[in-house]
N, C-alpha and C. Protein backbone atom coordinates (compact mmCIF):
# COMPACT_ATOMS: atom_id res chain seq x y z
N MET A 1 55.37 38.53 93.45
CA MET A 1 55.59 39.86 92.93
C MET A 1 54.98 39.96 91.54
N PHE A 2 54.24 41.03 91.28
CA PHE A 2 53.65 41.25 89.98
C PHE A 2 54.73 41.77 89.04
N ALA A 3 54.89 41.13 87.89
CA ALA A 3 56.01 41.45 87.02
C ALA A 3 55.60 41.49 85.56
N ASP A 4 56.42 42.15 84.77
CA ASP A 4 56.28 42.19 83.32
C ASP A 4 57.52 41.51 82.74
N CYS A 5 57.32 40.38 82.10
CA CYS A 5 58.45 39.57 81.61
C CYS A 5 59.35 40.34 80.64
N ARG A 6 58.79 41.25 79.87
CA ARG A 6 59.59 41.99 78.89
C ARG A 6 60.65 42.86 79.54
N LYS A 7 60.47 43.18 80.82
CA LYS A 7 61.42 44.02 81.54
C LYS A 7 62.36 43.22 82.43
N CYS A 8 62.36 41.92 82.30
CA CYS A 8 63.17 41.04 83.15
C CYS A 8 64.48 40.65 82.46
N VAL A 9 65.53 40.45 83.24
CA VAL A 9 66.83 40.08 82.68
C VAL A 9 66.83 38.66 82.14
N TYR A 10 65.93 37.81 82.61
CA TYR A 10 65.89 36.41 82.18
C TYR A 10 65.05 36.18 80.92
N PHE A 11 64.36 37.21 80.43
CA PHE A 11 63.47 37.06 79.28
C PHE A 11 64.24 37.14 77.97
N VAL A 12 63.92 36.22 77.07
CA VAL A 12 64.47 36.22 75.71
C VAL A 12 63.28 36.25 74.76
N SER A 13 63.26 37.22 73.85
CA SER A 13 62.13 37.33 72.93
C SER A 13 62.16 36.19 71.91
N GLU A 14 61.02 35.96 71.30
CA GLU A 14 60.90 34.88 70.32
C GLU A 14 61.82 35.11 69.13
N ALA A 15 62.00 36.36 68.74
CA ALA A 15 62.82 36.68 67.58
C ALA A 15 64.30 36.38 67.80
N SER A 16 64.77 36.44 69.04
CA SER A 16 66.19 36.22 69.31
C SER A 16 66.48 34.85 69.95
N MET A 17 65.53 33.94 69.88
CA MET A 17 65.72 32.60 70.45
C MET A 17 66.54 31.71 69.52
N ASP A 18 67.29 30.79 70.10
CA ASP A 18 68.02 29.77 69.36
C ASP A 18 67.02 28.83 68.70
N PRO A 19 67.33 28.27 67.53
CA PRO A 19 66.39 27.34 66.91
C PRO A 19 66.09 26.11 67.77
N ASP A 20 67.09 25.62 68.51
CA ASP A 20 66.87 24.46 69.37
C ASP A 20 65.93 24.80 70.53
N VAL A 21 66.13 25.96 71.12
CA VAL A 21 65.27 26.41 72.22
C VAL A 21 63.87 26.69 71.71
N LEU A 22 63.76 27.24 70.52
CA LEU A 22 62.46 27.52 69.92
C LEU A 22 61.67 26.23 69.72
N GLU A 23 62.33 25.20 69.21
CA GLU A 23 61.66 23.91 69.00
C GLU A 23 61.23 23.30 70.34
N LYS A 24 62.10 23.40 71.34
CA LYS A 24 61.80 22.87 72.67
C LYS A 24 60.59 23.60 73.27
N ALA A 25 60.54 24.93 73.10
CA ALA A 25 59.44 25.73 73.64
C ALA A 25 58.12 25.40 72.96
N LEU A 26 58.15 25.27 71.65
CA LEU A 26 56.92 24.95 70.91
C LEU A 26 56.41 23.55 71.28
N CYS A 27 57.32 22.62 71.49
CA CYS A 27 56.94 21.28 71.91
C CYS A 27 56.31 21.31 73.31
N TRP A 28 56.90 22.10 74.23
CA TRP A 28 56.36 22.21 75.58
C TRP A 28 54.96 22.81 75.56
N ILE A 29 54.75 23.83 74.75
CA ILE A 29 53.43 24.47 74.64
C ILE A 29 52.42 23.49 74.07
N HIS A 30 52.83 22.73 73.07
CA HIS A 30 51.92 21.76 72.43
C HIS A 30 51.44 20.72 73.45
N HIS A 31 52.32 20.27 74.34
CA HIS A 31 51.95 19.23 75.31
C HIS A 31 51.27 19.78 76.56
N ASN A 32 51.64 20.97 77.01
CA ASN A 32 51.14 21.48 78.28
C ASN A 32 50.08 22.58 78.18
N ARG A 33 50.15 23.42 77.17
CA ARG A 33 49.17 24.49 77.00
C ARG A 33 48.74 24.59 75.54
N PRO A 34 48.00 23.63 75.05
CA PRO A 34 47.58 23.68 73.65
C PRO A 34 46.76 24.94 73.35
N GLY A 35 47.09 25.56 72.24
CA GLY A 35 46.38 26.77 71.84
C GLY A 35 47.02 28.06 72.32
N ALA A 36 48.01 27.98 73.22
CA ALA A 36 48.69 29.19 73.69
C ALA A 36 49.69 29.66 72.64
N VAL A 37 50.02 30.94 72.71
CA VAL A 37 50.93 31.56 71.74
C VAL A 37 52.29 31.75 72.42
N LEU A 38 53.36 31.41 71.73
CA LEU A 38 54.70 31.60 72.24
C LEU A 38 55.10 33.06 72.12
N LEU A 39 55.46 33.69 73.23
CA LEU A 39 55.86 35.09 73.24
C LEU A 39 57.35 35.27 73.52
N GLY A 40 57.96 34.29 74.13
CA GLY A 40 59.37 34.37 74.46
C GLY A 40 59.78 33.19 75.31
N TYR A 41 60.91 33.33 76.00
CA TYR A 41 61.44 32.24 76.80
C TYR A 41 62.04 32.79 78.09
N CYS A 42 61.82 32.10 79.19
CA CYS A 42 62.38 32.48 80.49
C CYS A 42 63.59 31.60 80.76
N MET A 43 64.77 32.21 80.83
CA MET A 43 66.00 31.46 81.06
C MET A 43 66.12 30.99 82.51
N LYS A 44 65.48 31.67 83.44
CA LYS A 44 65.55 31.29 84.86
C LYS A 44 64.80 29.98 85.10
N TYR A 45 63.56 29.90 84.61
CA TYR A 45 62.75 28.71 84.82
C TYR A 45 62.85 27.70 83.67
N ASP A 46 63.56 28.07 82.61
CA ASP A 46 63.75 27.20 81.45
C ASP A 46 62.39 26.76 80.88
N ARG A 47 61.51 27.76 80.69
CA ARG A 47 60.17 27.49 80.16
C ARG A 47 59.77 28.59 79.19
N PRO A 48 58.86 28.29 78.28
CA PRO A 48 58.37 29.32 77.37
C PRO A 48 57.44 30.30 78.09
N VAL A 49 57.39 31.51 77.59
CA VAL A 49 56.51 32.54 78.12
C VAL A 49 55.29 32.63 77.22
N THR A 50 54.10 32.49 77.82
CA THR A 50 52.87 32.56 77.05
C THR A 50 52.03 33.78 77.43
N TYR A 51 52.45 34.51 78.45
CA TYR A 51 51.82 35.78 78.82
C TYR A 51 52.90 36.67 79.44
N PHE A 52 52.76 37.97 79.30
CA PHE A 52 53.80 38.90 79.73
C PHE A 52 53.67 39.35 81.19
N GLN A 53 52.46 39.54 81.68
CA GLN A 53 52.28 40.08 83.01
C GLN A 53 51.68 39.06 83.94
N GLY A 54 52.21 38.99 85.15
CA GLY A 54 51.71 38.05 86.14
C GLY A 54 52.62 37.99 87.34
N LYS A 55 52.40 37.01 88.20
CA LYS A 55 53.21 36.86 89.39
C LYS A 55 54.47 36.05 89.06
N CYS A 56 55.60 36.50 89.60
CA CYS A 56 56.85 35.79 89.36
C CYS A 56 57.81 36.07 90.51
N ARG A 57 58.32 35.02 91.13
CA ARG A 57 59.27 35.19 92.21
C ARG A 57 60.67 35.51 91.70
N ALA A 58 60.97 35.14 90.49
CA ALA A 58 62.31 35.31 89.94
C ALA A 58 62.49 36.61 89.18
N PHE A 59 61.47 37.46 89.16
CA PHE A 59 61.56 38.71 88.39
C PHE A 59 62.72 39.56 88.87
N LYS A 60 63.58 39.93 87.92
CA LYS A 60 64.71 40.79 88.20
C LYS A 60 64.75 41.84 87.09
N PRO A 61 64.39 43.10 87.41
CA PRO A 61 64.32 44.11 86.36
C PRO A 61 65.67 44.44 85.76
N ARG A 62 65.66 44.77 84.49
CA ARG A 62 66.88 45.20 83.81
C ARG A 62 67.29 46.56 84.35
N LYS A 63 68.58 46.78 84.40
CA LYS A 63 69.08 48.08 84.84
C LYS A 63 68.89 49.08 83.73
N VAL A 64 68.42 50.25 84.09
CA VAL A 64 68.23 51.32 83.13
C VAL A 64 69.47 52.20 83.18
N ARG A 65 70.10 52.35 82.04
CA ARG A 65 71.29 53.19 81.98
C ARG A 65 70.88 54.64 81.94
N THR A 66 71.48 55.42 82.79
CA THR A 66 71.22 56.85 82.80
C THR A 66 72.48 57.58 82.39
N MET A 67 72.30 58.67 81.69
CA MET A 67 73.43 59.47 81.23
C MET A 67 73.23 60.91 81.67
N LYS A 68 74.32 61.60 81.87
CA LYS A 68 74.26 63.01 82.23
C LYS A 68 74.02 63.83 80.97
N ILE A 69 73.44 64.99 81.14
CA ILE A 69 73.18 65.88 80.01
C ILE A 69 74.48 66.36 79.39
N THR A 70 75.53 66.44 80.19
CA THR A 70 76.83 66.91 79.67
C THR A 70 77.46 65.89 78.73
N ASP A 71 77.03 64.65 78.77
CA ASP A 71 77.53 63.64 77.84
C ASP A 71 77.05 63.92 76.42
N PHE A 72 75.94 64.62 76.28
CA PHE A 72 75.38 64.92 74.97
C PHE A 72 75.85 66.25 74.40
N ILE A 73 76.29 67.11 75.28
CA ILE A 73 76.70 68.45 74.86
C ILE A 73 78.21 68.50 74.71
N LYS A 74 78.66 68.97 73.57
CA LYS A 74 80.09 69.14 73.36
C LYS A 74 80.52 70.47 73.98
N VAL A 75 81.50 70.40 74.84
CA VAL A 75 81.99 71.61 75.48
C VAL A 75 83.14 72.14 74.62
N GLN A 76 83.01 73.38 74.15
CA GLN A 76 84.03 73.98 73.32
C GLN A 76 84.77 75.03 74.13
N GLY A 77 86.06 74.87 74.17
CA GLY A 77 86.90 75.81 74.93
C GLY A 77 87.30 77.01 74.10
N PRO A 78 87.97 77.97 74.75
CA PRO A 78 88.40 79.19 74.04
C PRO A 78 89.49 78.94 73.02
């Protein structure tokens, strides 16, 4: 399945990663994909993300919350 990691429930951005996970990801990239840029982390596969779009069997899109228009409008009674 063609997926965008940024829209997946398993994706964690680089800015919100734990320091231990960040160090582990940078070490993995250094040994397996030298020169690649760390973009985030995939919690499902326990690996760093070096590109956002591609094929992924584990892709699970985040649920989009929808709200009714009446939630935004204050109803004033008589």
